[in-house]
Amino acid sequence: MLYLPNEEGQGLVEYALIIVLVAIVVIAVLTLLGNQLQNVFNRITNALAPTS
């Protein structure tokens, strides 16, 4: 009989590592571009605000 290693939990660990890496990248991008993104959203909000 062939020996098949037990790899049932391996996929979950790999997906968790990918999610952690993506989260780190997102946090880094938001940290670096946070002020610029805030300025863009503020301009959009001001453009959509009704003028009186």
N, C-alpha and C. Protein backbone atom coordinates (compact mmCIF):
# COMPACT_ATOMS: atom_id res chain seq x y z
N MET A 1 0.84 -1.16 0.00
CA MET A 1 0.00 0.00 0.00
C MET A 1 0.90 1.24 0.00
N LEU A 2 0.48 2.26 -0.75
CA LEU A 2 1.25 3.50 -0.84
C LEU A 2 1.04 4.34 0.41
N TYR A 3 2.09 5.00 0.82
CA TYR A 3 1.99 5.89 1.97
C TYR A 3 1.58 7.28 1.48
N LEU A 4 0.45 7.78 1.96
CA LEU A 4 -0.01 9.11 1.63
C LEU A 4 0.06 9.98 2.88
N PRO A 5 0.84 11.06 2.83
CA PRO A 5 0.95 11.90 4.02
C PRO A 5 -0.36 12.61 4.32
N ASN A 6 -0.58 12.86 5.59
CA ASN A 6 -1.78 13.54 6.03
C ASN A 6 -1.59 15.04 5.86
N GLU A 7 -2.27 15.64 4.87
CA GLU A 7 -2.11 17.05 4.56
C GLU A 7 -3.43 17.79 4.66
N GLU A 8 -4.28 17.42 5.57
CA GLU A 8 -5.61 18.00 5.62
C GLU A 8 -5.60 19.47 6.05
N GLY A 9 -4.75 19.87 6.98
CA GLY A 9 -4.75 21.23 7.49
C GLY A 9 -3.84 22.17 6.74
N GLN A 10 -3.12 21.68 5.78
CA GLN A 10 -2.12 22.49 5.10
C GLN A 10 -2.76 23.61 4.29
N GLY A 11 -3.85 23.37 3.61
CA GLY A 11 -4.49 24.39 2.79
C GLY A 11 -4.94 25.58 3.60
N LEU A 12 -5.50 25.33 4.78
CA LEU A 12 -5.98 26.40 5.64
C LEU A 12 -4.83 27.30 6.08
N VAL A 13 -3.70 26.71 6.41
CA VAL A 13 -2.54 27.50 6.83
C VAL A 13 -2.04 28.36 5.67
N GLU A 14 -2.01 27.81 4.48
CA GLU A 14 -1.56 28.58 3.32
C GLU A 14 -2.49 29.74 3.03
N TYR A 15 -3.79 29.53 3.12
CA TYR A 15 -4.75 30.62 2.90
C TYR A 15 -4.60 31.68 3.98
N ALA A 16 -4.37 31.28 5.20
CA ALA A 16 -4.19 32.24 6.29
C ALA A 16 -2.95 33.09 6.06
N LEU A 17 -1.87 32.48 5.59
CA LEU A 17 -0.65 33.24 5.30
C LEU A 17 -0.88 34.24 4.17
N ILE A 18 -1.61 33.85 3.15
CA ILE A 18 -1.92 34.76 2.05
C ILE A 18 -2.74 35.93 2.55
N ILE A 19 -3.74 35.67 3.38
CA ILE A 19 -4.59 36.74 3.92
C ILE A 19 -3.76 37.70 4.76
N VAL A 20 -2.86 37.17 5.57
CA VAL A 20 -2.00 38.02 6.40
C VAL A 20 -1.10 38.89 5.52
N LEU A 21 -0.52 38.32 4.48
CA LEU A 21 0.35 39.09 3.60
C LEU A 21 -0.43 40.18 2.87
N VAL A 22 -1.63 39.88 2.41
CA VAL A 22 -2.46 40.88 1.73
C VAL A 22 -2.81 41.99 2.71
N ALA A 23 -3.15 41.64 3.94
CA ALA A 23 -3.48 42.65 4.94
C ALA A 23 -2.29 43.56 5.21
N ILE A 24 -1.09 43.01 5.29
CA ILE A 24 0.11 43.82 5.52
C ILE A 24 0.33 44.78 4.35
N VAL A 25 0.14 44.31 3.14
CA VAL A 25 0.31 45.18 1.97
C VAL A 25 -0.72 46.29 1.97
N VAL A 26 -1.98 45.97 2.27
CA VAL A 26 -3.03 46.99 2.30
C VAL A 26 -2.74 48.03 3.37
N ILE A 27 -2.31 47.61 4.55
CA ILE A 27 -1.99 48.56 5.62
C ILE A 27 -0.81 49.45 5.21
N ALA A 28 0.18 48.88 4.57
CA ALA A 28 1.33 49.67 4.14
C ALA A 28 0.94 50.69 3.09
N VAL A 29 0.11 50.30 2.14
CA VAL A 29 -0.32 51.23 1.09
C VAL A 29 -1.17 52.34 1.68
N LEU A 30 -2.09 52.00 2.58
CA LEU A 30 -2.92 53.02 3.20
C LEU A 30 -2.09 53.97 4.07
N THR A 31 -1.06 53.46 4.70
CA THR A 31 -0.20 54.30 5.50
C THR A 31 0.58 55.28 4.62
N LEU A 32 1.08 54.78 3.50
CA LEU A 32 1.88 55.62 2.62
C LEU A 32 1.02 56.62 1.84
N LEU A 33 -0.17 56.22 1.43
CA LEU A 33 -1.01 57.07 0.58
C LEU A 33 -2.22 57.62 1.30
N GLY A 34 -2.27 57.51 2.61
CA GLY A 34 -3.45 57.90 3.37
C GLY A 34 -3.86 59.34 3.17
N ASN A 35 -2.91 60.26 3.27
CA ASN A 35 -3.23 61.67 3.13
C ASN A 35 -3.70 62.00 1.71
N GLN A 36 -3.07 61.41 0.73
CA GLN A 36 -3.47 61.65 -0.66
C GLN A 36 -4.87 61.12 -0.92
N LEU A 37 -5.18 59.93 -0.39
CA LEU A 37 -6.53 59.38 -0.57
C LEU A 37 -7.57 60.24 0.15
N GLN A 38 -7.21 60.75 1.31
CA GLN A 38 -8.14 61.60 2.05
C GLN A 38 -8.43 62.87 1.26
N ASN A 39 -7.42 63.44 0.64
CA ASN A 39 -7.62 64.63 -0.18
C ASN A 39 -8.53 64.35 -1.38
N VAL A 40 -8.35 63.21 -2.01
CA VAL A 40 -9.19 62.84 -3.16
C VAL A 40 -10.64 62.70 -2.72
N PHE A 41 -10.89 62.00 -1.61
CA PHE A 41 -12.26 61.82 -1.14
C PHE A 41 -12.88 63.14 -0.69
N ASN A 42 -12.08 64.02 -0.11
CA ASN A 42 -12.59 65.33 0.28
C ASN A 42 -13.01 66.14 -0.94
N ARG A 43 -12.20 66.08 -2.01
CA ARG A 43 -12.57 66.81 -3.23
C ARG A 43 -13.84 66.24 -3.85
N ILE A 44 -13.99 64.93 -3.81
CA ILE A 44 -15.20 64.31 -4.37
C ILE A 44 -16.40 64.71 -3.54
N THR A 45 -16.25 64.69 -2.22
CA THR A 45 -17.36 65.06 -1.33
C THR A 45 -17.77 66.52 -1.55
N ASN A 46 -16.78 67.39 -1.69
CA ASN A 46 -17.07 68.80 -1.92
C ASN A 46 -17.73 69.03 -3.27
N ALA A 47 -17.33 68.25 -4.28
CA ALA A 47 -17.93 68.39 -5.60
C ALA A 47 -19.38 67.90 -5.61
N LEU A 48 -19.70 66.92 -4.80
CA LEU A 48 -21.06 66.37 -4.76
C LEU A 48 -21.98 67.11 -3.80
N ALA A 49 -21.41 67.95 -2.94
CA ALA A 49 -22.22 68.67 -1.97
C ALA A 49 -23.07 69.72 -2.69
N PRO A 50 -24.31 69.87 -2.26
CA PRO A 50 -25.18 70.87 -2.91
C PRO A 50 -24.71 72.28 -2.57
N THR A 51 -24.74 73.12 -3.56
CA THR A 51 -24.35 74.51 -3.35
C THR A 51 -25.58 75.32 -2.95
N SER A 52 -25.39 76.25 -2.05
CA SER A 52 -26.54 77.04 -1.60
C SER A 52 -26.38 78.49 -1.95
